[in-house]
Protein backbone atom coordinates (compact mmCIF):
# COMPACT_ATOMS: atom_id res chain seq x y z
CA UNK A 1 1.21 -26.78 -16.90
CA UNK A 2 4.37 -27.57 -14.90
CA UNK A 3 6.44 -25.25 -17.09
CA UNK A 4 3.95 -22.39 -16.61
CA UNK A 5 3.92 -22.95 -12.83
CA UNK A 6 7.74 -23.05 -12.73
CA UNK A 7 7.98 -19.80 -14.71
CA UNK A 8 5.42 -18.18 -12.40
CA UNK A 9 7.34 -19.26 -9.29
CA UNK A 10 10.64 -18.03 -10.72
CA UNK A 11 9.01 -14.72 -11.55
CA UNK A 12 7.57 -14.34 -8.02
CA UNK A 13 10.97 -14.98 -6.46
CA UNK A 14 12.54 -12.29 -8.63
CA UNK A 15 11.39 -9.47 -6.33
CA UNK A 16 13.97 -6.99 -5.14
CA UNK A 17 15.39 -7.23 -1.64
CA UNK A 18 14.39 -4.64 0.92
CA UNK A 19 16.36 -1.40 1.22
CA UNK A 20 16.85 0.65 4.34
CA UNK A 21 13.83 1.24 6.52
CA UNK A 22 11.59 4.28 6.47
CA UNK A 23 11.11 5.12 10.15
CA UNK A 24 9.28 7.63 12.34
CA UNK A 25 8.51 7.44 16.04
CA UNK A 26 5.22 5.61 15.20
CA UNK A 27 6.21 3.06 12.56
CA UNK A 28 9.02 1.46 10.62
CA UNK A 29 8.65 0.07 7.10
CA UNK A 30 11.19 -1.68 4.91
CA UNK A 31 10.94 -0.51 1.29
CA UNK A 32 12.05 -2.74 -1.63
CA UNK A 33 15.15 -1.43 -3.39
CA UNK A 34 13.47 -1.06 -6.79
CA UNK A 35 11.40 1.86 -5.47
CA UNK A 36 14.56 3.96 -5.12
CA UNK A 37 14.79 7.13 -3.03
CA UNK A 38 11.61 8.86 -1.87
CA UNK A 39 10.45 12.39 -2.46
CA UNK A 40 9.49 13.82 0.96
CA UNK A 41 6.78 16.45 1.47
CA UNK A 42 5.97 17.87 4.90
CA UNK A 43 3.20 20.08 6.23
CA UNK A 44 2.15 20.96 9.78
CA UNK A 45 0.79 17.56 10.75
CA UNK A 46 1.46 15.36 7.71
CA UNK A 47 4.53 13.79 6.12
CA UNK A 48 4.36 12.07 2.75
CA UNK A 49 7.00 9.92 1.07
CA UNK A 50 6.48 9.23 -2.66
CA UNK A 51 8.31 6.44 -4.49
CA UNK A 52 8.22 5.74 -8.22
CA UNK A 53 9.07 2.48 -10.00
CA UNK A 54 8.19 0.52 -13.12
CA UNK A 55 5.45 -1.21 -11.10
CA UNK A 56 3.71 2.00 -10.13
CA UNK A 57 3.65 4.78 -7.55
CA UNK A 58 3.93 4.13 -3.83
CA UNK A 59 2.84 6.87 -1.44
CA UNK A 60 3.31 6.50 2.30
CA UNK A 61 1.91 9.15 4.59
CA UNK A 62 1.74 9.80 8.29
CA UNK A 63 -0.88 12.20 9.65
CA UNK A 64 -0.72 13.32 13.27
CA UNK A 65 -4.02 13.96 15.06
CA UNK A 66 -4.81 15.83 18.29
CA UNK A 67 -6.21 12.58 19.65
CA UNK A 68 -6.67 9.09 18.20
CA UNK A 69 -7.03 9.21 14.42
CA UNK A 70 -10.04 7.48 12.82
CA UNK A 71 -9.30 4.23 11.01
CA UNK A 72 -11.86 4.87 8.29
CA UNK A 73 -11.98 8.34 6.77
CA UNK A 74 -14.95 9.85 4.96
CA UNK A 75 -12.95 9.61 1.73
CA UNK A 76 -12.63 5.84 2.27
CA UNK A 77 -16.37 5.55 2.87
CA UNK A 78 -17.17 7.57 -0.26
CA UNK A 79 -14.77 5.50 -2.39
CA UNK A 80 -16.30 2.30 -1.02
CA UNK A 81 -19.83 3.39 -1.98
CA UNK A 82 -18.75 4.52 -5.46
CA UNK A 83 -16.98 1.23 -6.24
CA UNK A 84 -18.94 -1.30 -4.15
CA UNK A 85 -20.53 -2.88 -7.21
CA UNK A 86 -17.46 -2.59 -9.41
CA UNK A 87 -15.48 -5.62 -10.52
CA UNK A 88 -12.16 -6.17 -8.72
CA UNK A 89 -13.15 -4.00 -5.75
CA UNK A 90 -12.64 -5.11 -2.21
CA UNK A 91 -12.40 -3.56 1.22
CA UNK A 92 -12.04 -4.94 4.71
CA UNK A 93 -10.81 -4.21 8.19
CA UNK A 94 -7.51 -5.90 9.00
CA UNK A 95 -5.37 -6.17 12.12
CA UNK A 96 -1.59 -6.18 12.34
CA UNK A 97 0.05 -6.62 15.75
CA UNK A 98 -2.98 -5.23 17.58
CA UNK A 99 -3.34 -2.20 15.28
CA UNK A 100 -6.52 -2.00 13.19
CA UNK A 101 -6.41 -0.97 9.54
CA UNK A 102 -8.80 -0.39 6.65
CA UNK A 103 -7.74 -2.11 3.43
CA UNK A 104 -9.19 -0.97 0.11
CA UNK A 105 -8.51 -2.25 -3.40
CA UNK A 106 -10.27 -0.75 -6.39
CA UNK A 107 -9.94 0.17 -10.01
CA UNK A 108 -9.39 3.88 -10.53
CA UNK A 109 -10.45 6.04 -13.40
CA UNK A 110 -8.13 5.46 -16.29
CA UNK A 111 -5.66 2.65 -16.65
CA UNK A 112 -4.70 2.04 -13.01
CA UNK A 113 -5.54 0.09 -9.87
CA UNK A 114 -5.21 1.44 -6.35
CA UNK A 115 -4.52 -0.61 -3.24
CA UNK A 116 -4.50 1.29 0.02
CA UNK A 117 -4.30 0.46 3.70
CA UNK A 118 -4.70 2.96 6.54
CA UNK A 119 -3.72 2.12 10.10
CA UNK A 120 -4.63 4.19 13.14
CA UNK A 121 -1.87 3.93 15.75
CA UNK A 122 -1.83 6.12 18.86
CA UNK A 123 -2.08 9.71 17.56
CA UNK A 124 -1.08 8.88 13.98
CA UNK A 125 -2.82 7.68 10.86
CA UNK A 126 -0.42 5.74 8.62
CA UNK A 127 -1.41 5.14 4.99
CA UNK A 128 0.27 2.98 2.37
CA UNK A 129 -1.17 3.75 -1.07
CA UNK A 130 0.05 1.81 -4.11
CA UNK A 131 -1.20 2.83 -7.56
CA UNK A 132 -0.19 0.49 -10.36
CA UNK A 133 -1.01 0.05 -14.02
CA UNK A 134 -3.64 -2.29 -15.34
CA UNK A 135 -1.88 -4.71 -17.62
CA UNK A 136 -2.74 -7.19 -20.31
CA UNK A 137 -0.62 -9.62 -18.30
CA UNK A 138 -2.29 -10.91 -15.16
CA UNK A 139 1.21 -11.74 -13.86
CA UNK A 140 2.06 -8.02 -13.71
CA UNK A 141 -1.10 -7.29 -11.72
CA UNK A 142 -0.40 -10.21 -9.38
CA UNK A 143 3.20 -9.06 -8.93
CA UNK A 144 1.94 -5.61 -7.91
CA UNK A 145 -0.53 -7.11 -5.43
CA UNK A 146 2.16 -9.37 -3.96
CA UNK A 147 4.45 -6.34 -3.60
CA UNK A 148 1.68 -4.47 -1.76
CA UNK A 149 1.08 -7.42 0.60
CA UNK A 150 4.83 -7.60 1.27
CA UNK A 151 4.75 -3.93 2.35
CA UNK A 152 1.88 -4.57 4.76
CA UNK A 153 3.74 -7.53 6.23
CA UNK A 154 6.88 -5.41 6.71
CA UNK A 155 5.32 -2.57 8.73
CA UNK A 156 6.19 -2.43 12.42
CA UNK A 157 4.39 -0.14 14.83
CA UNK A 158 6.54 1.58 17.46
């Protein structure tokens, strides 16, 4: 038991350090180095940064609204109703430094999990979406969840 716990702790501490910050005028987020450089896509009111790693795909997006953006979108509500009885599904409202967010974790179709949080801050909706592989090893799934929680803890609203 002690050996297994020691190996688990060593594995958890093996996460990559944070790289340079992704920053807009609404938020700043430190991204772990193993995600590498992002692919940026821009449209009129939305910017999306996509990162790819061996853990999965990380997509960060910022949507600008004419007024305050809703915290919970209709897509979130639909996904909640589809998966509300599914195993490993969870959703909740969270708060980070006075900014409210909607956190959703669910299995997706296929061999993946999705963890997503959307914050509404001033005139922007900021979404962190992490899609990672289901694995035969529960340690890999836990590592992905810990990585997602680290990202939420690193966001700063400006």
